[in-house]
Protein backbone atom coordinates (compact mmCIF):
# COMPACT_ATOMS: atom_id res chain seq x y z
CA MET A 1 -88.47 -86.49 25.68
CA LEU A 2 -90.39 -89.22 25.28
CA MET A 3 -94.39 -89.45 25.16
CA GLU A 4 -96.24 -92.46 25.34
CA ILE A 5 -100.04 -92.86 24.51
CA GLY A 6 -101.75 -96.58 25.56
CA LEU A 7 -104.80 -97.45 23.62
CA MET A 8 -107.14 -100.00 25.12
CA ARG A 9 -110.57 -101.40 24.07
CA HIS A 10 -112.84 -102.20 27.09
CA TYR A 11 -113.23 -105.34 28.45
CA ARG A 12 -115.50 -107.99 27.10
CA VAL A 13 -119.31 -107.09 27.87
CA LYS A 14 -122.05 -109.63 29.77
CA LEU A 15 -124.83 -109.32 27.39
CA ALA A 16 -125.72 -112.61 25.10
CA PRO A 17 -126.89 -112.02 21.69
CA PRO A 18 -130.56 -112.17 21.04
CA SER A 19 -131.80 -115.68 20.90
CA LYS A 20 -133.83 -115.22 17.81
CA ARG A 21 -132.14 -116.20 14.70
CA PHE A 22 -133.67 -113.03 13.09
CA VAL A 23 -134.10 -110.06 14.30
CA PRO A 24 -135.97 -106.66 13.32
CA ALA A 25 -133.78 -103.31 13.44
CA ASP A 26 -135.48 -102.27 16.35
CA GLU A 27 -134.55 -105.35 18.67
CA ALA A 28 -131.05 -105.12 17.42
CA MET A 29 -130.62 -101.42 18.28
CA ARG A 30 -133.11 -102.15 21.54
CA TRP A 31 -129.70 -105.03 22.20
CA TYR A 32 -126.98 -101.98 21.58
CA ALA A 33 -128.41 -100.02 23.96
CA ASP A 34 -128.36 -102.24 26.46
CA TYR A 35 -124.86 -103.41 25.50
CA ASP A 36 -123.78 -99.66 26.41
CA GLU A 37 -125.34 -100.69 30.32
CA ALA A 38 -124.33 -104.20 30.60
CA PRO A 39 -121.59 -105.20 33.18
CA ILE A 40 -118.18 -106.35 31.84
CA GLU A 41 -116.38 -109.51 32.26
CA LEU A 42 -113.16 -108.32 33.98
CA GLY A 43 -109.93 -110.09 32.52
CA GLU A 44 -106.55 -109.77 32.52
CA ALA A 45 -104.52 -106.84 30.81
CA ASP A 46 -100.98 -106.54 30.39
CA LEU A 47 -100.07 -102.93 31.07
CA GLY A 48 -96.79 -103.11 29.06
CA GLY A 49 -94.71 -102.43 32.34
CA ALA A 50 -95.14 -98.83 31.75
CA ALA A 51 -95.89 -96.67 34.75
CA TRP A 52 -98.99 -94.99 33.34
CA GLU A 53 -99.39 -91.36 35.13
CA ARG A 54 -102.79 -90.89 33.92
CA CYS A 55 -106.02 -92.59 32.54
CA VAL A 56 -108.52 -91.29 30.63
CA ALA A 57 -112.13 -93.81 29.84
CA SER A 58 -114.93 -93.27 28.03
CA ASP A 59 -117.70 -92.49 30.65
CA LEU A 60 -119.85 -95.74 28.91
CA PRO A 61 -119.86 -98.31 32.19
CA ARG A 62 -117.97 -101.14 29.86
CA ALA A 63 -114.89 -98.27 29.09
CA TYR A 64 -114.89 -96.88 32.54
CA GLY A 65 -115.19 -100.04 34.42
CA THR A 66 -112.24 -101.41 32.27
CA ALA A 67 -110.04 -98.58 33.60
CA GLU A 68 -111.22 -98.77 37.28
CA ALA A 69 -110.35 -102.46 37.04
CA ILE A 70 -106.74 -101.76 35.50
CA PHE A 71 -105.31 -98.46 36.59
CA SER A 72 -104.43 -97.74 40.50
CA GLY A 73 -105.10 -94.16 40.22
CA ALA A 74 -107.99 -92.38 39.34
CA VAL A 75 -109.42 -92.45 36.27
CA GLU A 76 -111.19 -89.68 34.18
CA ARG A 77 -114.31 -90.25 32.87
CA ARG A 78 -114.77 -88.43 29.41
CA GLU A 79 -117.82 -87.98 27.14
CA GLU A 80 -115.22 -87.57 24.10
CA LEU A 81 -114.13 -91.07 23.91
CA ARG A 82 -117.52 -92.52 23.80
CA GLU A 83 -118.01 -94.95 20.45
CA VAL A 84 -118.99 -93.54 17.16
CA PRO A 85 -122.91 -93.71 17.44
CA LEU A 86 -124.04 -96.81 15.21
CA PRO A 87 -126.54 -95.42 12.43
CA ILE A 88 -130.41 -96.10 12.83
CA PRO A 89 -131.57 -98.70 10.29
CA ARG A 90 -134.76 -97.74 8.66
CA SER A 91 -135.83 -101.01 7.47
CA ARG A 92 -138.59 -103.61 7.96
CA ILE A 93 -135.77 -106.30 7.50
CA LYS A 94 -134.49 -108.91 9.46
CA LEU A 95 -131.36 -110.46 9.70
CA PRO A 96 -129.19 -112.26 12.08
CA HIS A 97 -127.80 -110.53 15.07
CA ALA A 98 -124.39 -110.33 13.99
CA TRP A 99 -125.18 -108.86 10.54
CA TRP A 100 -126.60 -105.74 12.08
CA ALA A 101 -123.05 -104.98 13.35
CA VAL A 102 -121.88 -105.42 9.59
CA TYR A 103 -124.93 -103.51 8.87
CA ALA A 104 -124.20 -100.62 10.81
CA ARG A 105 -120.55 -100.23 9.75
CA LEU A 106 -121.14 -100.23 6.09
CA SER A 107 -123.56 -98.08 6.91
CA GLN A 108 -121.23 -95.54 8.52
CA ARG A 109 -119.68 -95.13 5.03
CA LEU A 110 -122.26 -95.10 3.14
CA ASP A 111 -125.01 -92.36 5.14
CA ALA A 112 -124.14 -88.73 5.05
CA GLY A 113 -125.54 -88.63 8.70
CA ALA A 114 -123.41 -91.51 9.73
CA ARG A 115 -120.40 -89.95 7.78
CA ALA A 116 -121.35 -86.68 9.80
CA ASP A 117 -121.07 -88.56 13.21
CA ILE A 118 -117.24 -90.08 12.08
CA ARG A 119 -116.45 -86.32 11.70
CA LEU A 120 -117.79 -85.33 15.00
CA ALA A 121 -115.91 -87.93 16.77
CA GLU A 122 -112.83 -87.31 14.78
CA GLU A 123 -112.69 -83.62 15.98
CA ARG A 124 -113.81 -84.82 19.83
CA ILE A 125 -110.35 -87.15 19.39
CA ARG A 126 -108.52 -83.97 18.12
CA ALA A 127 -109.26 -81.61 20.43
CA LEU A 128 -109.11 -84.28 23.61
CA PHE A 129 -105.78 -85.31 21.87
CA ASP A 130 -104.99 -81.30 22.09
CA GLU A 131 -105.24 -81.01 25.90
CA LEU A 132 -103.96 -84.32 26.79
CA LEU A 133 -100.38 -83.45 24.83
CA ALA A 134 -100.14 -80.12 26.13
CA GLY A 135 -100.29 -81.59 29.85
CA PRO A 136 -97.56 -82.79 31.71
CA GLU A 137 -97.87 -86.72 31.88
CA ARG A 138 -95.70 -88.24 29.72
CA ARG A 139 -97.52 -91.74 29.68
CA ILE A 140 -101.36 -91.57 29.28
CA LEU A 141 -103.52 -94.24 29.15
CA ILE A 142 -106.82 -94.55 27.17
CA VAL A 143 -109.64 -96.57 27.37
CA SER A 144 -112.42 -96.53 25.23
CA HIS A 145 -113.90 -98.61 22.38
CA GLY A 146 -113.31 -100.57 19.15
CA ALA A 147 -113.81 -98.10 16.63
CA LEU A 148 -113.18 -95.30 18.18
CA MET A 149 -109.31 -96.45 18.69
CA MET A 150 -109.30 -96.87 14.89
CA LEU A 151 -109.56 -92.86 15.18
CA MET A 152 -107.17 -92.17 17.71
CA ARG A 153 -104.65 -94.07 15.73
CA ALA A 154 -104.67 -92.49 12.95
CA GLU A 155 -104.75 -89.03 14.80
CA LEU A 156 -101.79 -90.38 16.90
CA VAL A 157 -99.90 -91.45 13.29
CA ARG A 158 -101.00 -87.95 11.91
CA ARG A 159 -99.12 -86.20 15.15
CA GLY A 160 -96.06 -87.78 14.90
CA PHE A 161 -96.61 -90.72 17.01
CA ARG A 162 -95.06 -94.52 16.05
CA GLY A 163 -97.61 -97.60 16.81
CA PRO A 164 -99.17 -100.79 16.04
CA ALA A 165 -101.99 -101.06 13.18
CA ILE A 166 -105.44 -101.37 15.06
CA GLY A 167 -107.34 -103.61 12.69
CA TYR A 168 -110.07 -104.86 15.35
CA PRO A 169 -109.02 -104.21 18.46
CA ARG A 170 -109.46 -107.12 21.13
CA HIS A 171 -111.09 -106.24 24.37
CA GLY A 172 -107.86 -105.67 26.94
CA LYS A 173 -105.70 -104.98 24.97
CA LEU A 174 -102.48 -102.38 25.15
CA TYR A 175 -101.38 -100.72 22.08
CA ARG A 176 -98.90 -98.68 22.66
CA PHE A 177 -97.71 -95.50 20.93
CA GLU A 178 -95.20 -93.52 20.99
CA ARG A 179 -92.87 -90.19 19.74
């Protein structure tokens, strides 16, 4: 019997980037903490015409709020679907705000602690998929975060699902996988 998993990144967050041209690391990290709690800009979401039977979402407000806006049934909040934590820079340098995101993503590849966080996220995803795929539902919608979606896609492919490549996931776009 066909199994479908839909992955969706949360809607855009209503939080302007810092107004300073160059931002120190502590201010950049404070902005990212604020981002975790900021409200979302409701948008349009095409759910692909599927009758999704179950919806699970990250427990962070931006993902959970998106899931509540697009799914008509009860949404399950799951801590396992939180974004991979950003490495905390130990630097006194100031960078443009957008460069801090690049710095954080590069650090995830180079920093041993950050790589350990990614391994833990992969373990959380495996355990969650073990649970979801063992259940009776055949169409499951998951609303989460960009970097985590790329890890989820890799796990779905490993489990024999077929679906689109996910370069940089767009907000509110459905990425559908079937097995």
